Amino acid sequence: MTFSQYVNTCRVNYAKEQLLGQPDKKVLAIATDAGFSTEVSFFRAFKSLTGVTPNEFRAKKTNITKQSNT
């Protein structure tokens, strides 16, 4: 793993926590908070590491949480 891959992994992990912990916060704000300079670079790194877009990740995890609470 290169240094930039490591940094992006840390940033994406932070973004994943924020996406679930702050469901009303905009994805672009989370990307900026995680240290990505552009939305495109964030989406590219996120999808590369998780296999889904940030919006898909949030929706999927939110649905799982709602189903387990019922």
Protein backbone atom coordinates (compact mmCIF):
# COMPACT_ATOMS: atom_id res chain seq x y z
CA MET A 1 0.00 0.00 0.00
CA THR A 2 1.33 3.39 -0.94
CA PHE A 3 1.19 6.39 1.36
CA SER A 4 -1.61 8.03 -0.65
CA GLN A 5 -3.63 4.78 -0.55
CA TYR A 6 -3.18 4.66 3.22
CA VAL A 7 -4.28 8.27 3.63
CA ASN A 8 -7.33 7.74 1.41
CA THR A 9 -8.25 4.61 3.39
CA CYS A 10 -8.14 6.62 6.62
CA ARG A 11 -10.18 9.42 5.05
CA VAL A 12 -12.80 7.02 3.69
CA ASN A 13 -13.08 5.26 7.06
CA TYR A 14 -13.67 8.63 8.71
CA ALA A 15 -16.26 9.50 6.06
CA LYS A 16 -18.06 6.18 6.62
CA GLU A 17 -18.39 6.98 10.33
CA GLN A 18 -19.69 10.45 9.52
CA LEU A 19 -22.16 9.19 6.92
CA LEU A 20 -23.77 6.94 9.52
CA GLY A 21 -23.35 9.19 12.55
CA GLN A 22 -24.64 12.35 10.89
CA PRO A 23 -27.39 11.29 8.48
CA ASP A 24 -28.52 14.87 7.80
CA LYS A 25 -25.06 16.16 6.87
CA LYS A 26 -24.41 16.59 3.15
CA VAL A 27 -21.99 14.20 1.48
CA LEU A 28 -19.88 17.05 0.12
CA ALA A 29 -19.44 18.49 3.63
CA ILE A 30 -18.34 15.07 4.87
CA ALA A 31 -15.89 14.74 1.98
CA THR A 32 -14.37 18.11 2.81
CA ASP A 33 -14.18 17.27 6.52
CA ALA A 34 -12.43 14.01 5.63
CA GLY A 35 -9.75 15.93 3.75
CA PHE A 36 -10.73 15.44 0.12
CA SER A 37 -10.25 18.51 -2.05
CA THR A 38 -12.89 17.61 -4.64
CA GLU A 39 -16.11 15.66 -4.69
CA VAL A 40 -14.85 13.62 -7.64
CA SER A 41 -11.74 12.42 -5.81
CA PHE A 42 -13.86 11.54 -2.78
CA PHE A 43 -16.40 9.52 -4.78
CA ARG A 44 -13.63 7.76 -6.70
CA ALA A 45 -11.73 6.76 -3.55
CA PHE A 46 -14.89 5.81 -1.66
CA LYS A 47 -16.23 3.59 -4.42
CA SER A 48 -12.81 2.03 -5.00
CA LEU A 49 -12.52 1.04 -1.33
CA THR A 50 -16.14 0.12 -0.55
CA GLY A 51 -17.64 -0.91 -3.88
CA VAL A 52 -20.52 1.54 -3.49
CA THR A 53 -21.03 5.30 -3.63
CA PRO A 54 -21.31 7.28 -0.38
CA ASN A 55 -25.06 7.71 -0.91
CA GLU A 56 -25.53 3.98 -1.53
CA PHE A 57 -23.47 3.21 1.58
CA ARG A 58 -25.57 5.52 3.73
CA ALA A 59 -28.87 4.20 2.36
CA LYS A 60 -27.84 0.57 2.69
CA LYS A 61 -26.59 0.93 6.28
CA THR A 62 -29.60 3.04 7.29
CA ASN A 63 -31.99 0.38 5.96
CA ILE A 64 -30.12 -2.37 7.82
CA THR A 65 -30.31 -0.39 11.06
CA LYS A 66 -34.04 0.29 10.62
CA GLN A 67 -34.74 -3.39 9.91
CA SER A 68 -32.82 -4.59 12.96
CA ASN A 69 -34.75 -2.18 15.20
CA THR A 70 -38.13 -3.59 14.18
